[in-house]
Amino acid sequence: MKIAIITDSNAGINQAKAKELGMFIQPSPFFINDVLHFEGVDMTHEDFYAALKDDSIDVKTSMPSPGDMTDMWDELLKDYEQVVFIPISSGLSGSYSTAAMLAEDYDGRVEIVDNRRVSITQYQSVLNALELVKLGKNAKEIKEYLEKTADRSSIYLSLDTLKYLKKGGRITPAAAAIGTLLNLKPVLQIQGDKLDAYAKCRGKAQAKKTMIEAVKKDMDTRFKESVAKHNFHLALAYGGNIEEAIAWKEELKSIFPDYDLELHPLSLAVACHIGSGILAITCTEGMDSSLI
């Protein structure tokens, strides 16, 4: 069957890369001082992070409108028999629930995946979906596989500032002030569909060490079998400071010499919630042939 794969821009795939892969991007909207923008359409990463330097600006995210979603599906269904949409984790956004409701009117031609992932792990789900298309799987089968394997990934990320966690109400202003005074760099984790605190670190060096130790622990426990089978991916993400990210990648090459550590920019919709100066490392299992 001719099947179109769509993800939103939270996966960190730009329009040029989407064209290269043979899939499609639903741009994720966000607001800067109540002005609507779309990543990769009218806002570059450079412009976004330059705007963040102004403490007076307000940034916030939104979901693609129902009309934008269905317009894309309708257009693709002129040339494709089915559509698979892989949005950001349902635990981080309402996009999945909205899309799932809209898809009910498409008689099975549009399947929405509750993949519980974001950023590079969401990107890996897209690659898996494209591989499943090549294997002849239909939209429902692709959805079922991606949902069965949704929790087989981890993300650990360190923040440079507590400002955006405070703005989003995830920490109190007092906690943010104390954390800033003590140079605390929180490490957050995403396993499944939630963003949770993992550790509080004094400085960026300790935060990086903590993330490395967390990944090693996952490799020795949760992902031990897939690591032994060489069916395991490590990747890096960053937000706002490419020089720091490149230096960290070089550092990690000696720690994980057997892995091709791809470096990806975080999507701007994700950066709206955590700011600039982000470093992240992710681990994801490869395709599980027993479930295909």
C-alpha atoms as a PDB file:
ATOM      1  CA  MET A   1       0.000   0.000   0.000  1.00  0.00           C
ATOM      2  CA  LYS A   2       1.078   3.576  -0.588  1.00  0.00           C
ATOM      3  CA  ILE A   3       1.296   5.040   2.910  1.00  0.00           C
ATOM      4  CA  ALA A   4       2.270   8.587   3.935  1.00  0.00           C
ATOM      5  CA  ILE A   5       4.188   9.048   7.196  1.00  0.00           C
ATOM      6  CA  ILE A   6       3.725  12.374   9.013  1.00  0.00           C
ATOM      7  CA  THR A   7       5.272  13.650  12.216  1.00  0.00           C
ATOM      8  CA  ASP A   8       5.215  17.092  13.794  1.00  0.00           C
ATOM      9  CA  SER A   9       8.220  19.378  14.053  1.00  0.00           C
ATOM     10  CA  ASN A  10       8.785  18.315  17.673  1.00  0.00           C
ATOM     11  CA  ALA A  11      10.721  15.393  16.176  1.00  0.00           C
ATOM     12  CA  GLY A  12      13.412  17.848  15.088  1.00  0.00           C
ATOM     13  CA  ILE A  13      13.156  16.998  11.388  1.00  0.00           C
ATOM     14  CA  ASN A  14      13.285  19.995   9.078  1.00  0.00           C
ATOM     15  CA  GLN A  15      11.458  20.195   5.751  1.00  0.00           C
ATOM     16  CA  ALA A  16      14.589  19.425   3.698  1.00  0.00           C
ATOM     17  CA  LYS A  17      15.319  16.282   5.730  1.00  0.00           C
ATOM     18  CA  ALA A  18      11.668  15.223   5.490  1.00  0.00           C
ATOM     19  CA  LYS A  19      11.843  15.434   1.713  1.00  0.00           C
ATOM     20  CA  GLU A  20      15.054  13.404   1.723  1.00  0.00           C
ATOM     21  CA  LEU A  21      13.431  10.715   3.892  1.00  0.00           C
ATOM     22  CA  GLY A  22      10.211  10.671   1.889  1.00  0.00           C
ATOM     23  CA  MET A  23       7.880  11.735   4.695  1.00  0.00           C
ATOM     24  CA  PHE A  24       5.995  14.850   5.809  1.00  0.00           C
ATOM     25  CA  ILE A  25       6.081  17.420   8.624  1.00  0.00           C
ATOM     26  CA  GLN A  26       3.127  19.034  10.385  1.00  0.00           C
ATOM     27  CA  PRO A  27       4.656  22.347  11.586  1.00  0.00           C
ATOM     28  CA  SER A  28       4.195  22.935  15.322  1.00  0.00           C
ATOM     29  CA  PRO A  29       3.061  26.494  16.126  1.00  0.00           C
ATOM     30  CA  PHE A  30       4.444  28.647  18.912  1.00  0.00           C
ATOM     31  CA  PHE A  31       4.044  32.251  19.976  1.00  0.00           C
ATOM     32  CA  ILE A  32       6.595  34.972  20.678  1.00  0.00           C
ATOM     33  CA  ASN A  33       4.868  37.887  22.373  1.00  0.00           C
ATOM     34  CA  ASP A  34       1.532  36.608  21.017  1.00  0.00           C
ATOM     35  CA  VAL A  35       2.808  36.560  17.419  1.00  0.00           C
ATOM     36  CA  LEU A  36       2.267  33.152  15.800  1.00  0.00           C
ATOM     37  CA  HIS A  37       5.290  31.400  14.268  1.00  0.00           C
ATOM     38  CA  PHE A  38       5.990  28.030  12.659  1.00  0.00           C
ATOM     39  CA  GLU A  39       9.369  26.330  12.941  1.00  0.00           C
ATOM     40  CA  GLY A  40      11.070  25.954   9.585  1.00  0.00           C
ATOM     41  CA  VAL A  41       8.433  28.114   7.910  1.00  0.00           C
ATOM     42  CA  ASP A  42       8.932  31.666   9.207  1.00  0.00           C
ATOM     43  CA  MET A  43      11.368  31.216  12.113  1.00  0.00           C
ATOM     44  CA  THR A  44      14.924  29.888  12.080  1.00  0.00           C
ATOM     45  CA  HIS A  45      16.750  28.475  15.103  1.00  0.00           C
ATOM     46  CA  GLU A  46      19.191  31.380  15.014  1.00  0.00           C
ATOM     47  CA  ASP A  47      16.397  33.959  15.121  1.00  0.00           C
ATOM     48  CA  PHE A  48      14.581  32.094  17.881  1.00  0.00           C
ATOM     49  CA  TYR A  49      17.541  31.873  20.250  1.00  0.00           C
ATOM     50  CA  ALA A  50      18.473  35.468  19.506  1.00  0.00           C
ATOM     51  CA  ALA A  51      14.954  36.464  20.583  1.00  0.00           C
ATOM     52  CA  LEU A  52      15.279  34.431  23.814  1.00  0.00           C
ATOM     53  CA  LYS A  53      18.152  36.684  24.929  1.00  0.00           C
ATOM     54  CA  ASP A  54      15.564  39.391  25.565  1.00  0.00           C
ATOM     55  CA  ASP A  55      14.176  38.602  29.031  1.00  0.00           C
ATOM     56  CA  SER A  56      11.064  40.657  28.353  1.00  0.00           C
ATOM     57  CA  ILE A  57       9.717  38.381  25.622  1.00  0.00           C
ATOM     58  CA  ASP A  58       7.111  35.726  26.310  1.00  0.00           C
ATOM     59  CA  VAL A  59       7.236  32.398  24.471  1.00  0.00           C
ATOM     60  CA  LYS A  60       4.589  29.696  24.538  1.00  0.00           C
ATOM     61  CA  THR A  61       3.534  26.736  22.455  1.00  0.00           C
ATOM     62  CA  SER A  62       0.307  25.695  20.825  1.00  0.00           C
ATOM     63  CA  MET A  63      -1.034  22.695  18.929  1.00  0.00           C
ATOM     64  CA  PRO A  64      -1.574  22.548  15.181  1.00  0.00           C
ATOM     65  CA  SER A  65      -5.152  23.581  14.498  1.00  0.00           C
ATOM     66  CA  PRO A  66      -7.674  20.852  13.631  1.00  0.00           C
ATOM     67  CA  GLY A  67      -8.079  22.452  10.223  1.00  0.00           C
ATOM     68  CA  ASP A  68      -4.343  22.369   9.529  1.00  0.00           C
ATOM     69  CA  MET A  69      -4.229  18.678  10.443  1.00  0.00           C
ATOM     70  CA  THR A  70      -7.159  17.599   8.304  1.00  0.00           C
ATOM     71  CA  ASP A  71      -6.087  19.807   5.386  1.00  0.00           C
ATOM     72  CA  MET A  72      -2.763  17.959   5.281  1.00  0.00           C
ATOM     73  CA  TRP A  73      -4.432  14.556   5.537  1.00  0.00           C
ATOM     74  CA  ASP A  74      -6.937  15.392   2.817  1.00  0.00           C
ATOM     75  CA  GLU A  75      -4.179  16.560   0.494  1.00  0.00           C
ATOM     76  CA  LEU A  76      -2.048  13.467   1.075  1.00  0.00           C
ATOM     77  CA  LEU A  77      -4.987  11.098   0.657  1.00  0.00           C
ATOM     78  CA  LYS A  78      -5.298  12.281  -2.932  1.00  0.00           C
ATOM     79  CA  ASP A  79      -2.051  10.429  -3.660  1.00  0.00           C
ATOM     80  CA  TYR A  80      -1.749   7.940  -0.786  1.00  0.00           C
ATOM     81  CA  GLU A  81      -4.058   5.162   0.350  1.00  0.00           C
ATOM     82  CA  GLN A  82      -3.381   5.681   4.072  1.00  0.00           C
ATOM     83  CA  VAL A  83      -1.746   8.167   6.433  1.00  0.00           C
ATOM     84  CA  VAL A  84       0.141   7.505   9.685  1.00  0.00           C
ATOM     85  CA  PHE A  85       0.601  10.547  11.949  1.00  0.00           C
ATOM     86  CA  ILE A  86       3.218  10.330  14.745  1.00  0.00           C
ATOM     87  CA  PRO A  87       2.735  13.398  16.992  1.00  0.00           C
ATOM     88  CA  ILE A  88       4.606  14.404  20.126  1.00  0.00           C
ATOM     89  CA  SER A  89       3.936  12.320  23.251  1.00  0.00           C
ATOM     90  CA  SER A  90       0.366  12.478  24.527  1.00  0.00           C
ATOM     91  CA  GLY A  91       1.831  13.195  27.970  1.00  0.00           C
ATOM     92  CA  LEU A  92       3.427  16.423  26.748  1.00  0.00           C
ATOM     93  CA  SER A  93       0.752  17.830  24.425  1.00  0.00           C
ATOM     94  CA  GLY A  94      -2.902  17.515  23.475  1.00  0.00           C
ATOM     95  CA  SER A  95      -2.024  16.995  19.798  1.00  0.00           C
ATOM     96  CA  TYR A  96      -2.538  13.229  19.951  1.00  0.00           C
ATOM     97  CA  SER A  97      -6.009  13.367  21.489  1.00  0.00           C
ATOM     98  CA  THR A  98      -7.163  16.036  19.033  1.00  0.00           C
ATOM     99  CA  ALA A  99      -5.769  14.142  16.048  1.00  0.00           C
ATOM    100  CA  ALA A 100      -7.242  10.825  17.247  1.00  0.00           C
ATOM    101  CA  MET A 101     -10.684  12.399  17.499  1.00  0.00           C
ATOM    102  CA  LEU A 102     -10.416  13.913  14.011  1.00  0.00           C
ATOM    103  CA  ALA A 103      -9.199  10.618  12.523  1.00  0.00           C
ATOM    104  CA  GLU A 104     -12.429   8.887  13.522  1.00  0.00           C
ATOM    105  CA  ASP A 105     -14.046  10.480  10.459  1.00  0.00           C
ATOM    106  CA  TYR A 106     -11.549   8.882   8.046  1.00  0.00           C
ATOM    107  CA  ASP A 107     -12.733   5.252   8.158  1.00  0.00           C
ATOM    108  CA  GLY A 108      -9.322   3.814   9.023  1.00  0.00           C
ATOM    109  CA  ARG A 109      -7.424   5.683   6.331  1.00  0.00           C
ATOM    110  CA  VAL A 110      -5.698   7.859   8.964  1.00  0.00           C
ATOM    111  CA  GLU A 111      -4.021   6.247  11.980  1.00  0.00           C
ATOM    112  CA  ILE A 112      -2.702   8.339  14.902  1.00  0.00           C
ATOM    113  CA  VAL A 113       0.165   6.886  16.939  1.00  0.00           C
ATOM    114  CA  ASP A 114       0.333   7.415  20.703  1.00  0.00           C
ATOM    115  CA  ASN A 115       4.090   6.970  20.544  1.00  0.00           C
ATOM    116  CA  ARG A 116       4.901   8.718  23.866  1.00  0.00           C
ATOM    117  CA  ARG A 117       8.117  10.187  22.460  1.00  0.00           C
ATOM    118  CA  VAL A 118       9.676  13.531  21.569  1.00  0.00           C
ATOM    119  CA  SER A 119      12.787  14.857  19.831  1.00  0.00           C
ATOM    120  CA  ILE A 120      15.307  12.226  18.682  1.00  0.00           C
ATOM    121  CA  THR A 121      13.317   9.292  20.026  1.00  0.00           C
ATOM    122  CA  GLN A 122      10.304  10.534  18.045  1.00  0.00           C
ATOM    123  CA  TYR A 123      12.637  10.832  15.039  1.00  0.00           C
ATOM    124  CA  GLN A 124      13.637   7.179  15.511  1.00  0.00           C
ATOM    125  CA  SER A 125       9.948   6.219  15.480  1.00  0.00           C
ATOM    126  CA  VAL A 126       9.620   7.931  12.107  1.00  0.00           C
ATOM    127  CA  LEU A 127      12.563   5.913  10.758  1.00  0.00           C
ATOM    128  CA  ASN A 128      10.951   2.728  12.091  1.00  0.00           C
ATOM    129  CA  ALA A 129       7.646   3.642  10.443  1.00  0.00           C
ATOM    130  CA  LEU A 130       9.343   4.207   7.093  1.00  0.00           C
ATOM    131  CA  GLU A 131      11.040   0.815   7.404  1.00  0.00           C
ATOM    132  CA  LEU A 132       7.692  -0.823   8.172  1.00  0.00           C
ATOM    133  CA  VAL A 133       6.216   0.759   5.041  1.00  0.00           C
ATOM    134  CA  LYS A 134       9.016  -0.874   3.025  1.00  0.00           C
ATOM    135  CA  LEU A 135       8.154  -4.201   4.689  1.00  0.00           C
ATOM    136  CA  GLY A 136       4.591  -3.891   3.381  1.00  0.00           C
ATOM    137  CA  LYS A 137       2.822  -3.114   6.654  1.00  0.00           C
ATOM    138  CA  ASN A 138      -0.428  -1.164   6.570  1.00  0.00           C
ATOM    139  CA  ALA A 139      -1.219   1.918   8.655  1.00  0.00           C
ATOM    140  CA  LYS A 140      -2.864   0.001  11.502  1.00  0.00           C
ATOM    141  CA  GLU A 141       0.047  -2.434  11.754  1.00  0.00           C
ATOM    142  CA  ILE A 142       2.537   0.446  11.849  1.00  0.00           C
ATOM    143  CA  LYS A 143       0.542   2.153  14.606  1.00  0.00           C
ATOM    144  CA  GLU A 144       0.399  -1.062  16.640  1.00  0.00           C
ATOM    145  CA  TYR A 145       4.138  -1.680  16.364  1.00  0.00           C
ATOM    146  CA  LEU A 146       5.094   1.877  17.340  1.00  0.00           C
ATOM    147  CA  GLU A 147       2.765   1.839  20.345  1.00  0.00           C
ATOM    148  CA  LYS A 148       4.058  -1.560  21.527  1.00  0.00           C
ATOM    149  CA  THR A 149       7.641  -0.270  21.465  1.00  0.00           C
ATOM    150  CA  ALA A 150       6.955   3.307  22.596  1.00  0.00           C
ATOM    151  CA  ASP A 151       8.602   2.943  26.007  1.00  0.00           C
ATOM    152  CA  ARG A 152      11.852   1.493  24.676  1.00  0.00           C
ATOM    153  CA  SER A 153      13.751   4.757  24.874  1.00  0.00           C
ATOM    154  CA  SER A 154      15.199   7.264  27.349  1.00  0.00           C
ATOM    155  CA  ILE A 155      16.097  10.942  27.152  1.00  0.00           C
ATOM    156  CA  TYR A 156      18.271  12.757  29.681  1.00  0.00           C
ATOM    157  CA  LEU A 157      18.708  16.501  29.326  1.00  0.00           C
ATOM    158  CA  SER A 158      20.440  19.253  31.256  1.00  0.00           C
ATOM    159  CA  LEU A 159      19.247  22.849  31.440  1.00  0.00           C
ATOM    160  CA  ASP A 160      21.273  26.023  31.498  1.00  0.00           C
ATOM    161  CA  THR A 161      18.567  28.102  33.168  1.00  0.00           C
ATOM    162  CA  LEU A 162      15.621  27.567  35.499  1.00  0.00           C
ATOM    163  CA  LYS A 163      13.772  30.562  34.059  1.00  0.00           C
ATOM    164  CA  TYR A 164      11.463  28.606  31.771  1.00  0.00           C
ATOM    165  CA  LEU A 165      10.620  25.908  34.313  1.00  0.00           C
ATOM    166  CA  LYS A 166       9.578  28.759  36.611  1.00  0.00           C
ATOM    167  CA  LYS A 167       7.498  30.377  33.855  1.00  0.00           C
ATOM    168  CA  GLY A 168       5.773  27.086  33.137  1.00  0.00           C
ATOM    169  CA  GLY A 169       4.922  26.590  36.799  1.00  0.00           C
ATOM    170  CA  ARG A 170       7.060  23.437  37.139  1.00  0.00           C
ATOM    171  CA  ILE A 171       9.094  25.036  39.945  1.00  0.00           C
ATOM    172  CA  THR A 172       8.324  27.939  42.268  1.00  0.00           C
ATOM    173  CA  PRO A 173       9.992  31.348  41.866  1.00  0.00           C
ATOM    174  CA  ALA A 174      11.732  30.791  45.213  1.00  0.00           C
ATOM    175  CA  ALA A 175      13.157  27.436  44.106  1.00  0.00           C
ATOM    176  CA  ALA A 176      14.317  29.012  40.845  1.00  0.00           C
ATOM    177  CA  ALA A 177      16.053  31.830  42.708  1.00  0.00           C
ATOM    178  CA  ILE A 178      17.835  29.436  45.093  1.00  0.00           C
ATOM    179  CA  GLY A 179      18.794  27.144  42.210  1.00  0.00           C
ATOM    180  CA  THR A 180      20.258  30.032  40.249  1.00  0.00           C
ATOM    181  CA  LEU A 181      22.202  31.232  43.296  1.00  0.00           C
ATOM    182  CA  LEU A 182      23.673  27.754  43.857  1.00  0.00           C
ATOM    183  CA  ASN A 183      24.373  27.217  40.122  1.00  0.00           C
ATOM    184  CA  LEU A 184      22.065  24.204  40.091  1.00  0.00           C
ATOM    185  CA  LYS A 185      21.713  22.545  36.688  1.00  0.00           C
ATOM    186  CA  PRO A 186      18.794  20.111  36.793  1.00  0.00           C
ATOM    187  CA  VAL A 187      18.899  16.927  34.759  1.00  0.00           C
ATOM    188  CA  LEU A 188      15.467  15.929  33.493  1.00  0.00           C
ATOM    189  CA  GLN A 189      14.383  12.604  32.036  1.00  0.00           C
ATOM    190  CA  ILE A 190      11.733  11.390  29.638  1.00  0.00           C
ATOM    191  CA  GLN A 191      10.905   7.698  29.826  1.00  0.00           C
ATOM    192  CA  GLY A 192       7.520   7.029  28.354  1.00  0.00           C
ATOM    193  CA  ASP A 193       5.224  10.020  28.227  1.00  0.00           C
ATOM    194  CA  LYS A 194       6.326  12.259  31.112  1.00  0.00           C
ATOM    195  CA  LEU A 195       9.008  14.871  31.723  1.00  0.00           C
ATOM    196  CA  ASP A 196      10.374  14.262  35.218  1.00  0.00           C
ATOM    197  CA  ALA A 197      13.203  15.533  37.413  1.00  0.00           C
ATOM    198  CA  TYR A 198      16.154  13.126  37.523  1.00  0.00           C
ATOM    199  CA  ALA A 199      18.897  14.922  39.483  1.00  0.00           C
ATOM    200  CA  LYS A 200      20.046  18.333  40.743  1.00  0.00           C
ATOM    201  CA  CYS A 201      23.661  19.034  39.817  1.00  0.00           C
ATOM    202  CA  ARG A 202      26.118  21.748  40.793  1.00  0.00           C
ATOM    203  CA  GLY A 203      27.312  23.064  37.449  1.00  0.00           C
ATOM    204  CA  LYS A 204      27.245  21.809  33.863  1.00  0.00           C
ATOM    205  CA  ALA A 205      30.183  19.393  34.267  1.00  0.00           C
ATOM    206  CA  GLN A 206      28.372  17.437  36.967  1.00  0.00           C
ATOM    207  CA  ALA A 207      25.161  17.489  34.919  1.00  0.00           C
ATOM    208  CA  LYS A 208      26.953  15.958  31.927  1.00  0.00           C
ATOM    209  CA  LYS A 209      28.550  13.295  34.138  1.00  0.00           C
ATOM    210  CA  THR A 210      25.139  12.467  35.613  1.00  0.00           C
ATOM    211  CA  MET A 211      23.577  12.021  32.167  1.00  0.00           C
ATOM    212  CA  ILE A 212      26.397   9.734  31.057  1.00  0.00           C
ATOM    213  CA  GLU A 213      26.016   7.589  34.161  1.00  0.00           C
ATOM    214  CA  ALA A 214      22.240   7.403  33.623  1.00  0.00           C
ATOM    215  CA  VAL A 215      22.693   6.137  30.061  1.00  0.00           C
ATOM    216  CA  LYS A 216      25.278   3.569  31.153  1.00  0.00           C
ATOM    217  CA  LYS A 217      22.846   2.330  33.795  1.00  0.00           C
ATOM    218  CA  ASP A 218      20.095   1.980  31.170  1.00  0.00           C
ATOM    219  CA  MET A 219      22.478   0.063  28.910  1.00  0.00           C
ATOM    220  CA  ASP A 220      23.279  -2.330  31.758  1.00  0.00           C
ATOM    221  CA  THR A 221      19.652  -2.832  32.801  1.00  0.00           C
ATOM    222  CA  ARG A 222      16.656  -1.803  30.676  1.00  0.00           C
ATOM    223  CA  PHE A 223      18.418  -2.182  27.338  1.00  0.00           C
ATOM    224  CA  LYS A 224      20.954  -4.890  28.190  1.00  0.00           C
ATOM    225  CA  GLU A 225      19.555  -7.372  25.670  1.00  0.00           C
ATOM    226  CA  SER A 226      19.397  -4.943  22.745  1.00  0.00           C
ATOM    227  CA  VAL A 227      22.906  -3.644  23.528  1.00  0.00           C
ATOM    228  CA  ALA A 228      24.218  -7.228  23.424  1.00  0.00           C
ATOM    229  CA  LYS A 229      22.531  -7.700  20.046  1.00  0.00           C
ATOM    230  CA  HIS A 230      23.994  -4.408  18.717  1.00  0.00           C
ATOM    231  CA  ASN A 231      20.429  -3.260  18.146  1.00  0.00           C
ATOM    232  CA  PHE A 232      20.685  -0.015  20.052  1.00  0.00           C
ATOM    233  CA  HIS A 233      21.034   3.687  19.191  1.00  0.00           C
ATOM    234  CA  LEU A 234      22.635   6.583  21.045  1.00  0.00           C
ATOM    235  CA  ALA A 235      22.122  10.151  19.852  1.00  0.00           C
ATOM    236  CA  LEU A 236      22.612  13.696  21.093  1.00  0.00           C
ATOM    237  CA  ALA A 237      20.486  16.829  21.012  1.00  0.00           C
ATOM    238  CA  TYR A 238      21.187  20.441  21.826  1.00  0.00           C
ATOM    239  CA  GLY A 239      19.463  23.789  21.989  1.00  0.00           C
ATOM    240  CA  GLY A 240      21.068  27.115  21.246  1.00  0.00           C
ATOM    241  CA  ASN A 241      24.807  26.437  21.618  1.00  0.00           C
ATOM    242  CA  ILE A 242      26.202  24.386  18.754  1.00  0.00           C
ATOM    243  CA  GLU A 243      29.840  24.898  19.819  1.00  0.00           C
ATOM    244  CA  GLU A 244      29.175  23.419  23.271  1.00  0.00           C
ATOM    245  CA  ALA A 245      27.238  20.543  21.682  1.00  0.00           C
ATOM    246  CA  ILE A 246      30.066  19.692  19.259  1.00  0.00           C
ATOM    247  CA  ALA A 247      32.586  19.715  22.112  1.00  0.00           C
ATOM    248  CA  TRP A 248      30.359  17.400  24.156  1.00  0.00           C
ATOM    249  CA  LYS A 249      29.988  15.045  21.200  1.00  0.00           C
ATOM    250  CA  GLU A 250      33.770  14.811  20.926  1.00  0.00           C
ATOM    251  CA  GLU A 251      33.965  14.036  24.652  1.00  0.00           C
ATOM    252  CA  LEU A 252      31.375  11.261  24.340  1.00  0.00           C
ATOM    253  CA  LYS A 253      33.087   9.600  21.378  1.00  0.00           C
ATOM    254  CA  SER A 254      35.754   8.238  23.711  1.00  0.00           C
ATOM    255  CA  ILE A 255      33.147   7.026  26.216  1.00  0.00           C
ATOM    256  CA  PHE A 256      30.882   5.347  23.639  1.00  0.00           C
ATOM    257  CA  PRO A 257      33.317   4.481  20.804  1.00  0.00           C
ATOM    258  CA  ASP A 258      31.046   1.833  19.278  1.00  0.00           C
ATOM    259  CA  TYR A 259      28.213   4.247  18.513  1.00  0.00           C
ATOM    260  CA  ASP A 260      27.609   6.779  15.775  1.00  0.00           C
ATOM    261  CA  LEU A 261      26.559   9.761  17.890  1.00  0.00           C
ATOM    262  CA  GLU A 262      24.338  11.837  15.636  1.00  0.00           C
ATOM    263  CA  LEU A 263      23.792  15.404  16.828  1.00  0.00           C
ATOM    264  CA  HIS A 264      20.327  16.952  16.367  1.00  0.00           C
ATOM    265  CA  PRO A 265      18.896  20.370  17.233  1.00  0.00           C
ATOM    266  CA  LEU A 266      15.967  20.349  19.635  1.00  0.00           C
ATOM    267  CA  SER A 267      12.734  21.576  18.131  1.00  0.00           C
ATOM    268  CA  LEU A 268      11.811  25.161  18.941  1.00  0.00           C
ATOM    269  CA  ALA A 269       8.498  24.062  20.451  1.00  0.00           C
ATOM    270  CA  VAL A 270      10.468  22.015  23.010  1.00  0.00           C
ATOM    271  CA  ALA A 271      12.936  24.878  23.610  1.00  0.00           C
ATOM    272  CA  CYS A 272      10.008  27.191  24.457  1.00  0.00           C
ATOM    273  CA  HIS A 273       9.596  25.196  27.675  1.00  0.00           C
ATOM    274  CA  ILE A 274      13.247  24.884  28.736  1.00  0.00           C
ATOM    275  CA  GLY A 275      15.212  27.693  27.056  1.00  0.00           C
ATOM    276  CA  SER A 276      18.648  27.641  25.438  1.00  0.00           C
ATOM    277  CA  GLY A 277      21.907  25.945  26.419  1.00  0.00           C
ATOM    278  CA  ILE A 278      20.352  22.480  26.528  1.00  0.00           C
ATOM    279  CA  LEU A 279      22.343  19.288  26.120  1.00  0.00           C
ATOM    280  CA  ALA A 280      20.620  15.922  25.828  1.00  0.00           C
ATOM    281  CA  ILE A 281      21.549  12.303  25.270  1.00  0.00           C
ATOM    282  CA  THR A 282      19.063   9.664  24.182  1.00  0.00           C
ATOM    283  CA  CYS A 283      19.060   5.898  23.929  1.00  0.00           C
ATOM    284  CA  THR A 284      16.619   3.912  21.841  1.00  0.00           C
ATOM    285  CA  GLU A 285      16.225   0.250  20.981  1.00  0.00           C
ATOM    286  CA  GLY A 286      16.322  -0.677  17.318  1.00  0.00           C
ATOM    287  CA  MET A 287      13.567  -2.528  15.472  1.00  0.00           C
ATOM    288  CA  ASP A 288      12.265  -5.649  17.221  1.00  0.00           C
ATOM    289  CA  SER A 289      11.661  -8.273  14.523  1.00  0.00           C
ATOM    290  CA  SER A 290       9.685 -10.446  16.944  1.00  0.00           C
ATOM    291  CA  LEU A 291       6.944  -7.794  17.059  1.00  0.00           C
ATOM    292  CA  ILE A 292       6.737  -7.080  13.333  1.00  0.00           C
END
